[in-house]
């Protein structure tokens, strides 16, 4: 069950990485358009794109943290199992 959950989270992380790259590129493009055009609409689009990119970065960070926590739990369980077998 734990390994299945870790597998799903790793797949989610791979997807989040792809989406973050996309949103970061979009944000960079919008920033350049805002600098060149200097219009309120372009600046608004840049802020929106930056919000999406930041939200995805936070989501990705949450996934990384959760994976690390579950891997630590899994390691502890394996250590416990190994120590019981030695006894």
C-alpha atoms as a PDB file:
ATOM      1  CA  UNK A   1       0.000   0.000   0.000  1.00  0.00           C
ATOM      2  CA  UNK A   2       2.768   2.447   0.938  1.00  0.00           C
ATOM      3  CA  UNK A   3       4.808   1.572  -2.143  1.00  0.00           C
ATOM      4  CA  UNK A   4       1.723   2.010  -4.329  1.00  0.00           C
ATOM      5  CA  UNK A   5       1.109   5.439  -2.803  1.00  0.00           C
ATOM      6  CA  UNK A   6       4.738   6.415  -3.373  1.00  0.00           C
ATOM      7  CA  UNK A   7       4.490   5.278  -6.982  1.00  0.00           C
ATOM      8  CA  UNK A   8       1.409   7.421  -7.538  1.00  0.00           C
ATOM      9  CA  UNK A   9       3.030  10.423  -5.876  1.00  0.00           C
ATOM     10  CA  UNK A  10       6.138  10.033  -8.032  1.00  0.00           C
ATOM     11  CA  UNK A  11       3.934   9.959 -11.137  1.00  0.00           C
ATOM     12  CA  UNK A  12       2.140  13.069  -9.859  1.00  0.00           C
ATOM     13  CA  UNK A  13       5.529  14.720  -9.294  1.00  0.00           C
ATOM     14  CA  UNK A  14       6.631  13.963 -12.857  1.00  0.00           C
ATOM     15  CA  UNK A  15       3.428  15.544 -14.141  1.00  0.00           C
ATOM     16  CA  UNK A  16       3.858  18.538 -11.832  1.00  0.00           C
ATOM     17  CA  UNK A  17       7.423  18.998 -13.132  1.00  0.00           C
ATOM     18  CA  UNK A  18       6.133  19.101 -16.713  1.00  0.00           C
ATOM     19  CA  UNK A  19       3.350  21.505 -15.823  1.00  0.00           C
ATOM     20  CA  UNK A  20       5.689  23.731 -13.834  1.00  0.00           C
ATOM     21  CA  UNK A  21       8.061  23.969 -16.810  1.00  0.00           C
ATOM     22  CA  UNK A  22       5.116  24.929 -19.019  1.00  0.00           C
ATOM     23  CA  UNK A  23       3.788  27.550 -16.588  1.00  0.00           C
ATOM     24  CA  UNK A  24       7.275  28.985 -16.009  1.00  0.00           C
ATOM     25  CA  UNK A  25       7.763  29.357 -19.769  1.00  0.00           C
ATOM     26  CA  UNK A  26       4.355  30.986 -20.075  1.00  0.00           C
ATOM     27  CA  UNK A  27       5.192  33.373 -17.246  1.00  0.00           C
ATOM     28  CA  UNK A  28       8.517  34.312 -18.853  1.00  0.00           C
ATOM     29  CA  UNK A  29       6.825  34.947 -22.182  1.00  0.00           C
ATOM     30  CA  UNK A  30       4.126  37.056 -20.536  1.00  0.00           C
ATOM     31  CA  UNK A  31       6.777  39.036 -18.644  1.00  0.00           C
ATOM     32  CA  UNK A  32       8.575  39.840 -21.892  1.00  0.00           C
ATOM     33  CA  UNK A  33       5.326  40.841 -23.583  1.00  0.00           C
ATOM     34  CA  UNK A  34       4.512  43.097 -20.626  1.00  0.00           C
ATOM     35  CA  UNK A  35       7.937  44.743 -20.801  1.00  0.00           C
ATOM     36  CA  UNK A  36       7.704  45.327 -24.536  1.00  0.00           C
ATOM     37  CA  UNK A  37       4.092  46.471 -24.757  1.00  0.00           C
ATOM     38  CA  UNK A  38       3.841  48.306 -21.416  1.00  0.00           C
ATOM     39  CA  UNK A  39       0.061  47.935 -21.417  1.00  0.00           C
ATOM     40  CA  UNK A  40      -2.133  47.227 -18.406  1.00  0.00           C
ATOM     41  CA  UNK A  41      -3.558  44.135 -20.136  1.00  0.00           C
ATOM     42  CA  UNK A  42      -0.107  42.651 -20.763  1.00  0.00           C
ATOM     43  CA  UNK A  43       0.867  43.344 -17.148  1.00  0.00           C
ATOM     44  CA  UNK A  44      -2.332  41.666 -15.939  1.00  0.00           C
ATOM     45  CA  UNK A  45      -1.609  38.614 -18.109  1.00  0.00           C
ATOM     46  CA  UNK A  46       1.909  38.482 -16.694  1.00  0.00           C
ATOM     47  CA  UNK A  47       0.627  38.585 -13.097  1.00  0.00           C
ATOM     48  CA  UNK A  48      -1.870  35.811 -13.873  1.00  0.00           C
ATOM     49  CA  UNK A  49       0.789  33.642 -15.487  1.00  0.00           C
ATOM     50  CA  UNK A  50       3.115  34.252 -12.537  1.00  0.00           C
ATOM     51  CA  UNK A  51       0.363  33.223 -10.101  1.00  0.00           C
ATOM     52  CA  UNK A  52      -0.178  29.962 -11.982  1.00  0.00           C
ATOM     53  CA  UNK A  53       3.544  29.257 -12.013  1.00  0.00           C
ATOM     54  CA  UNK A  54       3.885  30.009  -8.284  1.00  0.00           C
ATOM     55  CA  UNK A  55       0.901  27.813  -7.417  1.00  0.00           C
ATOM     56  CA  UNK A  56       2.349  24.908  -9.390  1.00  0.00           C
ATOM     57  CA  UNK A  57       5.739  25.395  -7.720  1.00  0.00           C
ATOM     58  CA  UNK A  58       4.060  25.201  -4.296  1.00  0.00           C
ATOM     59  CA  UNK A  59       2.156  22.066  -5.342  1.00  0.00           C
ATOM     60  CA  UNK A  60       5.379  20.473  -6.573  1.00  0.00           C
ATOM     61  CA  UNK A  61       7.153  21.350  -3.317  1.00  0.00           C
ATOM     62  CA  UNK A  62       4.297  19.768  -1.358  1.00  0.00           C
ATOM     63  CA  UNK A  63       4.633  16.579  -3.396  1.00  0.00           C
ATOM     64  CA  UNK A  64       8.399  16.448  -2.831  1.00  0.00           C
ATOM     65  CA  UNK A  65       7.870  16.910   0.903  1.00  0.00           C
ATOM     66  CA  UNK A  66       5.200  14.209   1.072  1.00  0.00           C
ATOM     67  CA  UNK A  67       7.326  11.764  -0.913  1.00  0.00           C
ATOM     68  CA  UNK A  68      10.274  12.367   1.420  1.00  0.00           C
ATOM     69  CA  UNK A  69       8.039  11.790   4.450  1.00  0.00           C
ATOM     70  CA  UNK A  70       6.615   8.549   3.071  1.00  0.00           C
ATOM     71  CA  UNK A  71      10.060   7.306   2.031  1.00  0.00           C
ATOM     72  CA  UNK A  72      11.265   7.961   5.560  1.00  0.00           C
ATOM     73  CA  UNK A  73       8.304   6.014   6.965  1.00  0.00           C
ATOM     74  CA  UNK A  74       8.994   3.192   4.543  1.00  0.00           C
ATOM     75  CA  UNK A  75      12.668   3.107   5.568  1.00  0.00           C
ATOM     76  CA  UNK A  76      11.693   2.988   9.240  1.00  0.00           C
ATOM     77  CA  UNK A  77       9.310   0.105   8.609  1.00  0.00           C
ATOM     78  CA  UNK A  78      11.959  -1.795   6.651  1.00  0.00           C
ATOM     79  CA  UNK A  79      14.504  -1.213   9.421  1.00  0.00           C
ATOM     80  CA  UNK A  80      12.002  -2.496  11.964  1.00  0.00           C
ATOM     81  CA  UNK A  81      11.296  -5.570   9.858  1.00  0.00           C
ATOM     82  CA  UNK A  82      15.005  -6.241   9.363  1.00  0.00           C
ATOM     83  CA  UNK A  83      15.747  -5.921  13.071  1.00  0.00           C
ATOM     84  CA  UNK A  84      12.939  -8.336  13.926  1.00  0.00           C
ATOM     85  CA  UNK A  85      14.333 -10.924  11.520  1.00  0.00           C
ATOM     86  CA  UNK A  86      17.757 -10.677  13.144  1.00  0.00           C
ATOM     87  CA  UNK A  87      16.340 -11.248  16.623  1.00  0.00           C
END
